Amino acid sequence: MNGEERPFKRRPQVCTSIAMNGEERPFKRRRMTILMLPDDLLFNCLARISRLHYPTLSLVSKRFRSILASIELYQTRTHLGRTESCLYVCLRLLTESSQLCWFTLCQGPFNSKKFLVPISSPSFPSALWSETAMVGSNIHAIGGLVNKNVSSSVMVMDCHSHTWREAPSMRMARASHSVCVHDGKIYVTGGCKNLYSTNWMEVFDTQTQTWEFLQIPSEEIFGGSKYKSVEYEGTVYVKSEAKDVTYKLHKGRWRTADLAINKGWGPSSSYYCVIENVFYRYSNRRIEWYDSEKRLWTTLKGLEKLPLLSHVNLVNYGGKMAVVWVEYPYGNKDEETKIWCAEIAIEKREKREIWGMVEWFDIVFRTNEPYSFAHVLATTI
């Protein structure tokens, strides 16, 4: 009133509610958190987050762990078009226990660095020389040696919840066998001492949960117990190591495959994979692909910046290639064993050229324990 300026004081905002008699009463503001959302909204929020963050989010609360493992969340992800590739690595301890330890690829909450985190390992005894197959969102662990006995058992891990269950056993006990997946069926070949034309291969239908034997293609392939198999060109290819011959299943009949394909199998099933109907292999410290028209193997270009690879696993990673390899501390006990991973996009160019575009590579696991690779798989969920 006297013309002097006075500082303006903001009146504190008071939230009020209306009582039954019409009077205003002060209302205490309640702090909202994401945990207060109903399940359907929480599903919608979490479905939009990369699955690489789920292992970290599962540490928030029991409710989060339950929701992150629920089938409803993955149905929401599919509806929103948020499916993505997931990488699984199984390591075996090189001790008397031969314990299997399962991991999945995760991403840190504050940076883009990826690393392997442990998930629930099976409670059943670890099997030596077992094989695995990925069908949909389920990992099937098949056969192997359990307590020095050849096993016919099949265990299944649900990649949504990382829980294990038992599936129907094979008709034959098998170890060091070969496994591949075609049209949702698992083809298991060899791995028995007493192999005959009637039991050399059996097929598991994941829909009906039943096993059946498949007749041998020819006496030419029959011999020994070790085979390699892969789904390629929309069918099943099988190679006999003893006979050095490869057959393919075509319209219900077995036919001899190309000689170049037969010579192209690596020493281990981890050394090859098929992506978008192209056969890739690891050979002589490089990755090659099979040109089916020219019938020869060609080096995959564009990988010059990768370090020298050893003990390699190649995996179809949702149309890309995941390369997982190990770096051992040769001769130095103080150094750690390092597991590396690279993600490579595949680009098909003119003149039948295929290039690999390295999107990232890094160390994803360090350990002083004596580990070796048991299995590396990927799925899209």
Protein backbone atom coordinates (compact mmCIF):
# COMPACT_ATOMS: atom_id res chain seq x y z
CA MET A 1 0.00 0.00 0.00
CA ASN A 2 2.91 2.37 0.70
CA GLY A 3 4.45 1.67 -2.73
CA GLU A 4 7.22 -0.63 -1.46
CA GLU A 5 7.75 -3.90 -3.32
CA ARG A 6 7.26 -7.00 -1.24
CA PRO A 7 8.50 -10.46 -2.17
CA PHE A 8 5.75 -12.68 -3.48
CA LYS A 9 5.14 -15.73 -1.32
CA ARG A 10 3.60 -18.76 -3.07
CA ARG A 11 0.81 -20.22 -1.02
CA PRO A 12 1.39 -23.93 -0.37
CA GLN A 13 -0.89 -26.08 -2.45
CA VAL A 14 -3.12 -28.20 -0.32
CA CYS A 15 -4.98 -31.11 -1.84
CA THR A 16 -8.48 -31.33 -0.43
CA SER A 17 -11.33 -33.76 -0.50
CA ILE A 18 -15.04 -33.06 -0.05
CA ALA A 19 -16.62 -34.52 3.06
CA MET A 20 -20.22 -35.66 3.24
CA ASN A 21 -21.27 -32.35 4.78
CA GLY A 22 -19.71 -30.38 1.92
CA GLU A 23 -16.69 -29.16 3.89
CA GLU A 24 -13.24 -29.37 2.40
CA ARG A 25 -10.72 -31.52 4.24
CA PRO A 26 -6.96 -31.72 3.64
CA PHE A 27 -5.95 -34.79 1.63
CA LYS A 28 -2.59 -36.54 2.01
CA ARG A 29 -0.99 -37.13 -1.38
CA ARG A 30 -0.27 -40.87 -1.89
CA ARG A 31 2.96 -41.80 -3.60
CA MET A 32 2.30 -43.97 -6.69
CA THR A 33 4.67 -46.74 -7.79
CA ILE A 34 4.57 -49.15 -10.72
CA LEU A 35 3.87 -51.99 -8.27
CA MET A 36 0.47 -50.42 -7.51
CA LEU A 37 -0.70 -50.90 -11.10
CA PRO A 38 -3.14 -53.70 -11.86
CA ASP A 39 -1.66 -56.75 -13.58
CA ASP A 40 -2.98 -55.94 -17.08
CA LEU A 41 -1.30 -52.51 -17.05
CA LEU A 42 1.85 -53.95 -15.55
CA PHE A 43 1.97 -56.59 -18.32
CA ASN A 44 1.65 -53.79 -20.88
CA CYS A 45 4.51 -51.81 -19.34
CA LEU A 46 6.92 -54.71 -18.86
CA ALA A 47 6.19 -56.12 -22.34
CA ARG A 48 7.66 -52.93 -23.84
CA ILE A 49 10.99 -53.41 -22.04
CA SER A 50 13.73 -55.47 -23.68
CA ARG A 51 13.93 -59.00 -22.32
CA LEU A 52 17.66 -58.42 -21.84
CA HIS A 53 16.67 -56.41 -18.73
CA TYR A 54 14.37 -59.08 -17.24
CA PRO A 55 17.03 -60.84 -15.10
CA THR A 56 17.73 -57.50 -13.38
CA LEU A 57 14.04 -56.61 -13.02
CA SER A 58 13.32 -59.99 -11.46
CA LEU A 59 15.32 -58.85 -8.42
CA VAL A 60 12.79 -56.09 -7.64
CA SER A 61 10.20 -58.26 -5.89
CA LYS A 62 8.52 -61.67 -5.86
CA ARG A 63 5.60 -60.19 -7.78
CA PHE A 64 7.94 -59.02 -10.55
CA ARG A 65 9.57 -62.45 -10.73
CA SER A 66 6.16 -64.07 -11.06
CA ILE A 67 4.96 -61.67 -13.77
CA LEU A 68 8.22 -61.85 -15.75
CA ALA A 69 7.85 -65.65 -15.89
CA SER A 70 4.16 -65.66 -16.80
CA ILE A 71 2.76 -66.78 -20.14
CA GLU A 72 0.42 -63.76 -20.07
CA LEU A 73 3.40 -61.39 -20.31
CA TYR A 74 4.73 -63.16 -23.39
CA GLN A 75 1.28 -63.18 -24.97
CA THR A 76 1.25 -59.40 -24.47
CA ARG A 77 4.73 -59.13 -26.01
CA THR A 78 3.57 -61.06 -29.06
CA HIS A 79 0.43 -58.90 -29.37
CA LEU A 80 2.55 -55.73 -29.21
CA GLY A 81 5.14 -57.09 -31.65
CA ARG A 82 7.87 -57.00 -29.01
CA THR A 83 9.30 -60.49 -29.46
CA GLU A 84 13.10 -60.71 -29.50
CA SER A 85 15.91 -63.23 -29.65
CA CYS A 86 17.24 -64.84 -26.47
CA LEU A 87 20.62 -66.53 -26.13
CA TYR A 88 21.28 -69.44 -23.75
CA VAL A 89 24.68 -70.85 -22.83
CA CYS A 90 25.26 -74.02 -20.83
CA LEU A 91 28.70 -74.54 -19.29
CA ARG A 92 30.04 -77.72 -17.74
CA LEU A 93 32.32 -77.72 -14.73
CA LEU A 94 35.40 -79.81 -15.48
CA THR A 95 35.32 -81.48 -12.08
CA GLU A 96 34.19 -84.85 -10.80
CA SER A 97 30.61 -83.58 -10.54
CA SER A 98 30.53 -82.44 -14.21
CA GLN A 99 27.83 -80.02 -13.10
CA LEU A 100 25.88 -78.14 -15.79
CA CYS A 101 25.36 -74.40 -15.28
CA TRP A 102 22.87 -72.52 -17.46
CA PHE A 103 23.11 -68.82 -18.34
CA THR A 104 21.21 -66.32 -20.45
CA LEU A 105 22.39 -63.09 -22.06
CA CYS A 106 21.45 -59.97 -20.08
CA GLN A 107 22.06 -56.22 -20.34
CA GLY A 108 23.08 -53.95 -17.48
CA PRO A 109 20.56 -51.39 -16.17
CA PHE A 110 22.85 -48.37 -16.65
CA ASN A 111 24.76 -49.16 -19.85
CA SER A 112 24.60 -51.21 -23.03
CA LYS A 113 27.12 -53.83 -21.91
CA LYS A 114 25.82 -57.40 -22.21
CA PHE A 115 26.83 -60.30 -20.00
CA LEU A 116 25.78 -63.82 -19.04
CA VAL A 117 23.74 -64.27 -15.88
CA PRO A 118 22.97 -67.63 -14.25
CA ILE A 119 19.46 -69.05 -14.40
CA SER A 120 17.92 -72.07 -12.70
CA SER A 121 19.95 -75.16 -13.45
CA PRO A 122 18.16 -78.52 -13.45
CA SER A 123 17.89 -80.51 -10.23
CA PHE A 124 18.30 -83.82 -12.08
CA PRO A 125 21.79 -85.36 -12.47
CA SER A 126 23.97 -83.77 -15.14
CA ALA A 127 24.40 -85.94 -18.23
CA LEU A 128 27.63 -86.24 -20.17
CA TRP A 129 27.48 -86.27 -23.97
CA SER A 130 23.85 -85.23 -24.01
CA GLU A 131 22.36 -83.13 -26.80
CA THR A 132 19.89 -80.25 -26.80
CA ALA A 133 17.23 -79.03 -29.19
CA MET A 134 15.25 -75.78 -29.18
CA VAL A 135 11.60 -76.08 -30.25
CA GLY A 136 9.63 -72.87 -29.85
CA SER A 137 10.35 -71.60 -26.36
CA ASN A 138 11.41 -74.99 -24.97
CA ILE A 139 14.92 -76.41 -24.63
CA HIS A 140 15.00 -80.21 -24.75
CA ALA A 141 17.96 -81.94 -23.03
CA ILE A 142 18.12 -85.42 -24.53
CA GLY A 143 19.94 -88.56 -23.41
CA GLY A 144 23.61 -88.76 -22.47
CA LEU A 145 25.56 -90.57 -19.75
CA VAL A 146 24.11 -90.37 -16.24
CA ASN A 147 26.20 -92.03 -13.53
CA LYS A 148 28.10 -93.87 -16.29
CA ASN A 149 24.85 -95.30 -17.66
CA VAL A 150 23.48 -94.40 -21.09
CA SER A 151 20.18 -92.56 -20.64
CA SER A 152 16.98 -92.25 -22.66
CA SER A 153 15.58 -89.42 -20.56
CA VAL A 154 14.33 -86.09 -21.94
CA MET A 155 14.06 -82.96 -19.81
CA VAL A 156 12.52 -79.70 -21.00
CA MET A 157 13.20 -76.12 -19.87
CA ASP A 158 10.53 -73.48 -20.47
CA CYS A 159 12.41 -70.33 -21.53
CA HIS A 160 9.61 -68.12 -20.14
CA SER A 161 9.90 -69.29 -16.55
CA HIS A 162 13.27 -71.12 -16.68
CA THR A 163 11.66 -74.13 -15.02
CA TRP A 164 12.33 -77.77 -15.90
CA ARG A 165 9.95 -80.68 -16.43
CA GLU A 166 10.21 -84.25 -17.63
CA ALA A 167 9.11 -85.29 -21.14
CA PRO A 168 8.53 -88.79 -22.58
CA SER A 169 11.77 -90.77 -22.82
CA MET A 170 13.31 -91.99 -26.05
CA ARG A 171 12.77 -95.58 -27.06
CA MET A 172 16.54 -96.14 -27.06
CA ALA A 173 19.14 -94.95 -24.56
CA ARG A 174 21.67 -92.78 -26.42
CA ALA A 175 24.89 -90.87 -25.77
CA SER A 176 27.07 -88.86 -28.20
CA HIS A 177 24.10 -88.81 -30.54
CA SER A 178 23.11 -86.11 -33.05
CA VAL A 179 20.01 -83.92 -32.81
CA CYS A 180 18.27 -81.52 -35.19
CA VAL A 181 14.80 -79.97 -35.46
CA HIS A 182 12.56 -79.99 -38.52
CA ASP A 183 8.87 -78.95 -38.66
CA GLY A 184 8.59 -78.97 -34.88
CA LYS A 185 9.94 -82.53 -34.65
CA ILE A 186 13.23 -83.56 -33.05
CA TYR A 187 15.36 -86.02 -35.05
CA VAL A 188 17.80 -88.03 -32.91
CA THR A 189 20.42 -90.13 -34.70
CA GLY A 190 23.00 -92.67 -33.52
CA GLY A 191 24.53 -92.82 -30.08
CA CYS A 192 23.96 -96.56 -29.50
CA LYS A 193 26.28 -99.55 -29.65
CA ASN A 194 23.65 -101.88 -31.11
CA LEU A 195 22.34 -99.87 -34.05
CA TYR A 196 20.16 -101.48 -36.67
CA SER A 197 18.22 -100.22 -39.65
CA THR A 198 15.13 -100.04 -37.43
CA ASN A 199 16.53 -98.00 -34.53
CA TRP A 200 19.34 -95.82 -35.93
CA MET A 201 17.04 -92.74 -35.82
CA GLU A 202 13.97 -91.82 -33.80
CA VAL A 203 11.76 -88.76 -34.07
CA PHE A 204 9.95 -86.89 -31.30
CA ASP A 205 6.72 -85.11 -32.23
CA THR A 206 6.50 -82.18 -29.81
CA GLN A 207 2.77 -81.76 -30.52
CA THR A 208 1.70 -85.33 -29.74
CA GLN A 209 4.61 -85.94 -27.32
CA THR A 210 5.35 -89.29 -28.95
CA TRP A 211 8.47 -91.03 -30.29
CA GLU A 212 8.75 -93.19 -33.40
CA PHE A 213 11.62 -94.89 -35.25
CA LEU A 214 12.61 -93.84 -38.76
CA GLN A 215 14.03 -96.37 -41.20
CA ILE A 216 17.65 -96.11 -42.33
CA PRO A 217 18.15 -94.51 -45.78
CA SER A 218 20.67 -97.03 -47.08
CA GLU A 219 23.15 -99.61 -45.83
CA GLU A 220 25.80 -97.26 -47.23
CA ILE A 221 25.30 -94.81 -44.34
CA PHE A 222 24.96 -97.52 -41.72
CA GLY A 223 28.08 -97.98 -39.63
CA GLY A 224 29.46 -96.79 -36.31
CA SER A 225 27.38 -94.83 -33.83
CA LYS A 226 28.38 -91.22 -34.54
CA TYR A 227 26.39 -89.03 -36.89
CA LYS A 228 25.87 -85.33 -37.54
CA SER A 229 22.57 -83.79 -38.56
CA VAL A 230 21.12 -80.41 -39.46
CA GLU A 231 17.97 -78.91 -40.95
CA TYR A 232 18.93 -77.37 -44.30
CA GLU A 233 16.99 -76.54 -47.48
CA GLY A 234 13.75 -77.44 -45.72
CA THR A 235 14.77 -81.00 -44.91
CA VAL A 236 17.07 -83.12 -42.74
CA TYR A 237 20.71 -83.79 -43.63
CA VAL A 238 22.54 -86.63 -41.87
CA LYS A 239 26.23 -87.54 -42.14
CA SER A 240 27.81 -90.80 -41.00
CA GLU A 241 31.30 -90.20 -39.63
CA ALA A 242 32.27 -93.84 -40.09
CA LYS A 243 31.14 -94.05 -43.72
CA ASP A 244 31.94 -90.41 -44.65
CA VAL A 245 28.67 -89.98 -46.54
CA THR A 246 25.79 -87.50 -46.20
CA TYR A 247 22.14 -88.19 -46.99
CA LYS A 248 19.17 -85.84 -47.16
CA LEU A 249 15.50 -86.63 -46.67
CA HIS A 250 13.52 -85.66 -49.79
CA LYS A 251 9.79 -86.35 -50.19
CA GLY A 252 9.92 -89.21 -47.74
CA ARG A 253 12.99 -90.82 -49.32
CA TRP A 254 16.71 -90.53 -48.57
CA ARG A 255 19.08 -89.29 -51.27
CA THR A 256 22.83 -88.73 -51.39
CA ALA A 257 23.80 -85.10 -50.77
CA ASP A 258 26.44 -83.03 -52.59
CA LEU A 259 30.03 -84.12 -52.02
CA ALA A 260 31.01 -80.56 -51.03
CA ILE A 261 28.37 -80.56 -48.29
CA ASN A 262 29.63 -83.92 -47.07
CA LYS A 263 33.17 -82.52 -46.76
CA GLY A 264 32.02 -79.34 -45.09
CA TRP A 265 30.87 -80.56 -41.69
CA GLY A 266 32.99 -79.31 -38.81
CA PRO A 267 34.38 -81.53 -36.06
CA SER A 268 31.50 -80.56 -33.78
CA SER A 269 27.84 -79.59 -34.20
CA SER A 270 28.70 -76.27 -32.53
CA TYR A 271 30.81 -75.40 -35.58
CA TYR A 272 27.91 -74.99 -38.01
CA CYS A 273 24.43 -73.44 -38.26
CA VAL A 274 21.82 -72.54 -40.86
CA ILE A 275 20.43 -69.00 -41.22
CA GLU A 276 17.80 -68.15 -43.85
CA ASN A 277 18.59 -71.36 -45.73
CA VAL A 278 22.34 -70.70 -45.89
CA PHE A 279 24.71 -73.25 -44.35
CA TYR A 280 27.52 -71.62 -42.32
CA ARG A 281 30.52 -73.30 -40.73
CA TYR A 282 33.60 -72.43 -38.69
CA SER A 283 36.77 -73.77 -40.31
CA ASN A 284 40.45 -72.84 -40.03
CA ARG A 285 39.76 -69.84 -37.79
CA ARG A 286 37.23 -68.31 -40.17
CA ILE A 287 33.52 -68.49 -40.87
CA GLU A 288 32.43 -69.76 -44.29
CA TRP A 289 29.13 -70.29 -46.10
CA TYR A 290 28.13 -72.90 -48.63
CA ASP A 291 27.31 -71.70 -52.16
CA SER A 292 24.80 -74.33 -53.30
CA GLU A 293 24.98 -73.19 -56.95
CA LYS A 294 28.76 -73.27 -57.25
CA ARG A 295 29.00 -76.14 -54.75
CA LEU A 296 31.89 -74.63 -52.82
CA TRP A 297 32.61 -72.96 -49.49
CA THR A 298 33.21 -69.19 -49.44
CA THR A 299 34.59 -66.99 -46.66
CA LEU A 300 32.04 -64.75 -44.93
CA LYS A 301 33.36 -61.24 -45.54
CA GLY A 302 33.33 -58.29 -43.14
CA LEU A 303 34.60 -60.03 -40.00
CA GLU A 304 38.15 -58.67 -40.07
CA LYS A 305 37.84 -56.78 -36.78
CA LEU A 306 36.93 -59.89 -34.80
CA PRO A 307 39.79 -61.40 -32.79
CA LEU A 308 41.05 -64.88 -33.59
CA LEU A 309 38.31 -67.38 -32.80
CA SER A 310 38.72 -70.70 -30.99
CA HIS A 311 36.32 -73.21 -29.40
CA VAL A 312 33.53 -71.60 -31.41
CA ASN A 313 29.75 -71.95 -31.29
CA LEU A 314 27.64 -70.62 -34.19
CA VAL A 315 23.92 -70.01 -33.54
CA ASN A 316 21.01 -68.67 -35.56
CA TYR A 317 20.12 -65.64 -33.43
CA GLY A 318 16.79 -64.53 -34.86
CA GLY A 319 18.13 -64.23 -38.43
CA LYS A 320 21.47 -62.89 -37.25
CA MET A 321 24.47 -64.96 -36.23
CA ALA A 322 25.62 -65.23 -32.64
CA VAL A 323 29.23 -66.36 -32.32
CA VAL A 324 30.25 -67.52 -28.84
CA TRP A 325 33.83 -68.52 -28.14
CA VAL A 326 36.18 -69.02 -25.20
CA GLU A 327 39.60 -67.61 -24.43
CA TYR A 328 41.54 -69.84 -22.07
CA PRO A 329 44.47 -68.57 -19.95
CA TYR A 330 47.00 -70.90 -21.51
CA GLY A 331 49.91 -71.43 -19.13
CA ASN A 332 48.89 -68.64 -16.75
CA LYS A 333 46.89 -69.80 -13.73
CA ASP A 334 46.34 -66.24 -12.50
CA GLU A 335 44.35 -65.18 -15.57
CA GLU A 336 40.64 -65.73 -15.98
CA THR A 337 38.88 -67.80 -18.59
CA LYS A 338 36.92 -65.39 -20.78
CA ILE A 339 33.82 -66.12 -22.84
CA TRP A 340 33.22 -63.80 -25.77
CA CYS A 341 30.10 -63.17 -27.80
CA ALA A 342 29.56 -61.40 -31.11
CA GLU A 343 26.31 -60.50 -32.85
CA ILE A 344 26.58 -60.43 -36.64
CA ALA A 345 23.93 -59.21 -39.08
CA ILE A 346 23.86 -61.10 -42.38
CA GLU A 347 23.71 -59.07 -45.59
CA LYS A 348 23.20 -60.75 -48.97
CA ARG A 349 24.61 -58.63 -51.80
CA GLU A 350 24.79 -58.83 -55.57
CA LYS A 351 26.90 -61.43 -57.37
CA ARG A 352 26.08 -63.99 -54.69
CA GLU A 353 28.14 -62.27 -52.01
CA ILE A 354 27.30 -62.58 -48.33
CA TRP A 355 28.75 -60.18 -45.78
CA GLY A 356 28.72 -60.28 -42.02
CA MET A 357 28.15 -56.93 -40.31
CA VAL A 358 29.53 -57.08 -36.76
CA GLU A 359 27.09 -55.18 -34.54
CA TRP A 360 28.94 -55.77 -31.29
CA PHE A 361 31.37 -58.15 -29.63
CA ASP A 362 32.61 -58.24 -26.06
CA ILE A 363 33.54 -60.44 -23.12
CA VAL A 364 30.29 -61.61 -21.55
CA PHE A 365 31.62 -63.89 -18.81
CA ARG A 366 34.78 -64.26 -16.72
CA THR A 367 35.61 -67.09 -14.38
CA ASN A 368 38.44 -68.84 -12.57
CA GLU A 369 36.45 -72.09 -12.55
CA PRO A 370 37.38 -74.83 -15.03
CA TYR A 371 34.45 -74.55 -17.46
CA SER A 372 33.88 -75.86 -20.96
CA PHE A 373 31.01 -75.35 -23.40
CA ALA A 374 28.16 -77.85 -23.21
CA HIS A 375 25.42 -76.17 -25.25
CA VAL A 376 24.63 -72.82 -26.91
CA LEU A 377 21.11 -72.18 -28.21
CA ALA A 378 18.83 -69.30 -29.17
CA THR A 379 15.12 -68.74 -29.58
CA THR A 380 12.73 -65.86 -30.26
CA ILE A 381 10.01 -65.15 -27.70
